[in-house]
């Protein structure tokens, strides 16, 4: 039982199964991170917060069929990048909020961590380059089949002034490619460590995306639009169909452009 503002618990890289009722009341907080799994058979929650901070962590409620197994009362909040799963039983919500991926399924495999299954293991790519605050090419850059480039957006390379929709602002960059970038079929470009204020990958040239891209969100933002990448073109092709986002189930990507048309920007909301 967690009850009161000083009642808090943090789980990191841990698996816990609670065979009795899990209570969370009166401004208490619970945090799951690092691939943790908390499984409960019954749960009661009100005026408190559970944060499932990363996409590999899960809160699972596995009760009994045709039984009231969970009640979420007023001001109950479950938020973050992880997953909330209900396997069996009846659940009620009253003035409460779920801001996580929600799974309703009786299948035993339903709560498996989809991110770990789908996100590319970069150790399986070769050659594989990880860039942090660096110039990755002095002229053209080709990412061939089986190869990968991972740009860490938490790093800082420099600043550039960009015009987006006619508004000129200074943006911090994470890495720079001086020249055209060609991601060939079977090649992979990754923008990783994305938070609410990522630093963009700057391409001083065109972008050809015949392969694929992955955008890896490590911490949720506040719903504002952020810029992830810039490249040069007078016709901004929508590349979002070739991009997969991990770690944020409600994030959306779009391609915007400068005024006058000269550069393109990949943005996320």
Protein backbone atom coordinates (compact mmCIF):
# COMPACT_ATOMS: atom_id res chain seq x y z
CA UNK A 1 0.00 0.00 0.00
CA UNK A 2 1.30 3.45 -1.01
CA UNK A 3 -0.53 6.28 0.73
CA UNK A 4 0.57 9.93 1.02
CA UNK A 5 2.93 12.42 -0.62
CA UNK A 6 6.02 10.79 0.90
CA UNK A 7 5.02 7.30 -0.23
CA UNK A 8 6.95 6.40 -3.37
CA UNK A 9 8.64 3.42 -4.92
CA UNK A 10 10.98 3.06 -7.90
CA UNK A 11 11.63 -0.14 -9.84
CA UNK A 12 14.57 -0.38 -12.22
CA UNK A 13 15.34 -3.53 -14.25
CA UNK A 14 13.14 -5.48 -11.84
CA UNK A 15 10.28 -7.99 -12.10
CA UNK A 16 7.77 -8.09 -9.25
CA UNK A 17 4.52 -10.04 -8.94
CA UNK A 18 2.02 -8.91 -6.29
CA UNK A 19 -0.34 -11.74 -5.37
CA UNK A 20 -2.60 -9.53 -3.24
CA UNK A 21 -4.13 -6.09 -3.92
CA UNK A 22 -1.84 -3.21 -4.96
CA UNK A 23 -3.06 0.08 -3.45
CA UNK A 24 -1.95 3.53 -4.62
CA UNK A 25 -3.55 6.52 -2.85
CA UNK A 26 -3.18 10.18 -1.83
CA UNK A 27 -0.43 11.65 -4.03
CA UNK A 28 1.81 8.59 -3.86
CA UNK A 29 4.11 7.84 -6.82
CA UNK A 30 5.41 4.69 -8.46
CA UNK A 31 8.04 4.58 -11.22
CA UNK A 32 8.91 1.64 -13.49
CA UNK A 33 12.06 1.86 -15.63
CA UNK A 34 14.84 -0.16 -17.21
CA UNK A 35 12.64 -2.94 -18.56
CA UNK A 36 10.78 -3.52 -15.29
CA UNK A 37 7.55 -5.50 -15.07
CA UNK A 38 5.05 -5.12 -12.24
CA UNK A 39 2.27 -7.74 -12.33
CA UNK A 40 -0.66 -7.46 -9.94
CA UNK A 41 -3.78 -9.60 -9.47
CA UNK A 42 -5.89 -6.74 -8.09
CA UNK A 43 -5.41 -2.98 -7.97
CA UNK A 44 -7.03 0.10 -6.46
CA UNK A 45 -5.81 3.59 -7.30
CA UNK A 46 -6.88 7.20 -6.72
CA UNK A 47 -5.23 10.64 -6.52
CA UNK A 48 -1.82 9.17 -7.36
CA UNK A 49 0.58 8.66 -10.26
CA UNK A 50 2.33 5.69 -11.82
CA UNK A 51 5.06 6.50 -14.36
CA UNK A 52 6.14 3.75 -16.77
CA UNK A 53 9.15 5.69 -17.96
CA UNK A 54 10.52 3.58 -20.83
CA UNK A 55 9.02 1.53 -23.65
CA UNK A 56 10.44 -1.74 -22.30
CA UNK A 57 8.61 -1.51 -18.95
CA UNK A 58 5.11 -2.85 -18.27
CA UNK A 59 2.39 -2.72 -15.65
CA UNK A 60 0.25 -5.86 -16.08
CA UNK A 61 -3.04 -6.59 -14.34
CA UNK A 62 -3.79 -10.30 -14.46
CA UNK A 63 -6.86 -11.05 -12.39
CA UNK A 64 -9.65 -13.56 -12.77
CA UNK A 65 -12.36 -13.79 -15.41
CA UNK A 66 -15.71 -12.11 -14.63
CA UNK A 67 -14.26 -10.47 -11.51
CA UNK A 68 -13.71 -6.82 -10.62
CA UNK A 69 -9.91 -6.68 -10.54
CA UNK A 70 -9.05 -2.97 -10.75
CA UNK A 71 -10.63 0.38 -9.90
CA UNK A 72 -9.07 3.68 -10.96
CA UNK A 73 -10.64 6.57 -9.08
CA UNK A 74 -10.48 10.34 -9.43
CA UNK A 75 -7.09 11.86 -10.36
CA UNK A 76 -5.46 8.53 -11.08
CA UNK A 77 -2.74 8.93 -13.71
CA UNK A 78 -0.64 6.31 -15.48
CA UNK A 79 1.80 7.96 -17.86
CA UNK A 80 5.09 7.53 -19.71
CA UNK A 81 6.48 5.58 -22.65
CA UNK A 82 5.66 2.07 -21.42
CA UNK A 83 2.71 -0.30 -21.55
CA UNK A 84 -0.34 -0.99 -19.39
CA UNK A 85 -1.90 -4.40 -19.97
CA UNK A 86 -5.14 -5.98 -18.78
CA UNK A 87 -5.33 -9.75 -19.25
CA UNK A 88 -8.42 -10.87 -17.34
CA UNK A 89 -11.24 -9.39 -15.28
CA UNK A 90 -13.26 -6.17 -15.16
CA UNK A 91 -11.70 -2.72 -14.76
CA UNK A 92 -13.44 0.57 -13.94
CA UNK A 93 -12.20 4.13 -14.59
CA UNK A 94 -13.63 7.29 -13.02
CA UNK A 95 -12.05 10.69 -13.83
CA UNK A 96 -8.71 8.99 -14.39
CA UNK A 97 -6.09 9.15 -17.17
CA UNK A 98 -4.05 6.55 -19.05
CA UNK A 99 -1.29 8.23 -21.09
CA UNK A 100 0.52 5.03 -22.04
CA UNK A 101 0.12 2.28 -24.61
CA UNK A 102 -2.88 0.18 -23.50
CA UNK A 103 -3.25 -3.53 -24.26
CA UNK A 104 -6.48 -5.47 -23.69
CA UNK A 105 -5.76 -9.12 -24.42
CA UNK A 106 -5.98 -12.51 -22.75
CA UNK A 107 -3.08 -13.87 -24.83
CA UNK A 108 -0.09 -14.82 -22.67
CA UNK A 109 2.27 -13.20 -25.18
CA UNK A 110 0.36 -9.91 -25.41
CA UNK A 111 2.55 -8.07 -22.91
CA UNK A 112 5.84 -8.91 -24.61
CA UNK A 113 7.95 -5.84 -25.25
CA UNK A 114 7.30 -4.97 -28.88
CA UNK A 115 10.06 -2.40 -28.95
CA UNK A 116 12.75 -4.96 -28.20
CA UNK A 117 11.36 -7.21 -30.93
CA UNK A 118 11.04 -4.58 -33.63
CA UNK A 119 13.74 -1.99 -33.03
CA UNK A 120 16.85 -2.89 -34.97
CA UNK A 121 19.75 -4.27 -32.96
CA UNK A 122 22.53 -2.14 -34.43
CA UNK A 123 25.14 -4.74 -33.49
CA UNK A 124 23.66 -6.85 -36.29
CA UNK A 125 24.48 -4.14 -38.86
CA UNK A 126 27.89 -3.76 -40.44
CA UNK A 127 29.49 -1.39 -40.92
CA UNK A 128 27.78 0.55 -38.11
CA UNK A 129 28.64 4.15 -37.23
CA UNK A 130 27.48 5.93 -34.07
CA UNK A 131 27.80 9.73 -34.28
CA UNK A 132 27.81 12.15 -31.34
CA UNK A 133 28.62 15.82 -31.93
CA UNK A 134 30.57 14.99 -35.08
CA UNK A 135 30.96 15.73 -38.78
CA UNK A 136 30.07 12.38 -40.33
CA UNK A 137 31.07 13.22 -43.90
CA UNK A 138 33.03 15.90 -45.70
CA UNK A 139 31.26 15.37 -49.00
CA UNK A 140 28.71 12.68 -49.91
CA UNK A 141 27.53 9.94 -47.52
CA UNK A 142 26.29 6.53 -48.67
CA UNK A 143 24.67 4.04 -46.28
CA UNK A 144 24.59 0.76 -48.16
CA UNK A 145 22.64 -2.44 -47.57
CA UNK A 146 23.32 -3.91 -44.12
CA UNK A 147 25.01 -0.73 -42.86
CA UNK A 148 23.73 1.80 -40.31
CA UNK A 149 24.34 5.33 -39.07
CA UNK A 150 23.08 6.16 -35.57
CA UNK A 151 22.95 9.89 -34.74
CA UNK A 152 22.65 10.58 -31.00
CA UNK A 153 20.40 13.65 -30.75
CA UNK A 154 21.39 14.30 -27.13
CA UNK A 155 24.87 15.36 -28.33
CA UNK A 156 25.84 18.85 -29.46
CA UNK A 157 27.84 19.71 -32.58
CA UNK A 158 27.01 23.36 -33.25
CA UNK A 159 24.25 25.80 -34.19
CA UNK A 160 22.65 26.79 -37.49
CA UNK A 161 20.03 29.35 -38.47
CA UNK A 162 17.09 27.79 -40.30
CA UNK A 163 13.94 29.18 -41.84
CA UNK A 164 10.89 27.00 -41.15
CA UNK A 165 7.60 28.21 -42.60
CA UNK A 166 9.04 31.70 -42.93
CA UNK A 167 10.26 31.94 -39.33
CA UNK A 168 14.02 32.18 -38.86
CA UNK A 169 15.51 30.70 -35.66
CA UNK A 170 18.78 29.26 -34.37
CA UNK A 171 18.83 25.49 -33.89
CA UNK A 172 21.38 23.29 -32.12
CA UNK A 173 22.69 20.39 -34.18
CA UNK A 174 23.83 16.94 -33.04
CA UNK A 175 25.89 15.98 -36.10
CA UNK A 176 26.64 17.27 -39.59
CA UNK A 177 26.81 15.65 -43.02
CA UNK A 178 28.48 17.96 -45.54
CA UNK A 179 27.05 16.69 -48.82
CA UNK A 180 24.29 14.49 -50.20
CA UNK A 181 23.12 11.53 -48.09
CA UNK A 182 22.01 8.33 -49.84
CA UNK A 183 20.38 5.66 -47.66
CA UNK A 184 20.27 2.74 -50.06
CA UNK A 185 17.87 -0.20 -49.97
CA UNK A 186 18.70 -2.27 -46.90
CA UNK A 187 20.55 0.65 -45.27
CA UNK A 188 19.42 2.22 -41.99
CA UNK A 189 19.56 5.77 -40.60
CA UNK A 190 18.73 6.10 -36.89
CA UNK A 191 17.99 9.23 -34.85
CA UNK A 192 18.30 8.14 -31.22
CA UNK A 193 18.05 9.51 -27.65
CA UNK A 194 15.19 11.83 -28.57
CA UNK A 195 13.68 13.82 -25.72
CA UNK A 196 11.52 16.92 -25.55
CA UNK A 197 14.45 19.01 -26.81
CA UNK A 198 16.54 16.98 -29.26
CA UNK A 199 19.40 18.37 -31.34
CA UNK A 200 18.84 17.95 -35.07
CA UNK A 201 20.92 16.06 -37.62
CA UNK A 202 21.95 18.57 -40.30
CA UNK A 203 22.49 17.48 -43.91
CA UNK A 204 24.05 20.13 -46.14
CA UNK A 205 22.82 18.39 -49.26
CA UNK A 206 20.00 16.24 -50.56
CA UNK A 207 18.55 13.13 -48.89
CA UNK A 208 17.66 9.95 -50.77
CA UNK A 209 15.84 7.46 -48.54
CA UNK A 210 15.54 4.14 -50.38
CA UNK A 211 16.30 2.25 -47.17
CA UNK A 212 14.71 2.90 -43.80
CA UNK A 213 14.87 5.22 -40.80
CA UNK A 214 14.19 4.69 -37.11
CA UNK A 215 13.40 7.40 -34.59
CA UNK A 216 14.08 6.31 -31.00
CA UNK A 217 12.33 8.31 -28.27
CA UNK A 218 13.92 7.97 -24.83
CA UNK A 219 11.81 10.51 -22.91
CA UNK A 220 8.45 12.04 -23.68
CA UNK A 221 8.15 15.73 -24.40
CA UNK A 222 5.33 18.13 -23.55
CA UNK A 223 3.49 17.83 -26.85
CA UNK A 224 5.33 20.63 -28.64
CA UNK A 225 6.79 20.19 -32.12
CA UNK A 226 10.55 19.52 -32.34
CA UNK A 227 12.87 19.42 -35.35
CA UNK A 228 14.84 16.20 -35.84
CA UNK A 229 16.63 16.60 -39.19
CA UNK A 230 17.29 19.11 -41.97
CA UNK A 231 18.26 18.51 -45.61
CA UNK A 232 18.34 20.61 -48.78
CA UNK A 233 15.69 20.34 -51.49
CA UNK A 234 13.22 22.63 -53.21
CA UNK A 235 10.64 19.81 -53.29
CA UNK A 236 10.14 18.26 -49.87
CA UNK A 237 9.06 14.67 -50.40
CA UNK A 238 7.14 13.11 -47.52
CA UNK A 239 9.54 10.46 -46.19
CA UNK A 240 7.56 9.59 -43.07
CA UNK A 241 6.26 6.35 -44.61
CA UNK A 242 9.82 4.99 -44.44
CA UNK A 243 10.33 5.95 -40.78
CA UNK A 244 9.42 3.90 -37.70
CA UNK A 245 9.07 5.58 -34.29
CA UNK A 246 9.89 3.59 -31.15
CA UNK A 247 9.20 4.65 -27.59
CA UNK A 248 6.26 6.96 -28.30
CA UNK A 249 2.95 5.50 -29.40
CA UNK A 250 1.23 8.87 -29.90
CA UNK A 251 4.05 10.79 -31.62
CA UNK A 252 3.52 11.94 -35.21
CA UNK A 253 6.08 12.87 -37.87
CA UNK A 254 5.76 15.40 -40.67
CA UNK A 255 7.98 17.06 -43.27
CA UNK A 256 7.97 20.86 -43.41
CA UNK A 257 9.87 23.31 -45.61
CA UNK A 258 11.59 26.67 -45.69
CA UNK A 259 10.33 29.88 -47.26
CA UNK A 260 11.41 30.28 -50.02
CA UNK A 261 11.61 26.56 -50.75
CA UNK A 262 15.22 25.43 -50.34
CA UNK A 263 15.38 23.16 -47.29
CA UNK A 264 13.23 20.45 -45.72
CA UNK A 265 12.79 19.57 -42.05
CA UNK A 266 11.66 16.36 -40.34
CA UNK A 267 9.60 17.32 -37.30
CA UNK A 268 7.84 15.36 -34.56
CA UNK A 269 4.93 16.25 -32.32
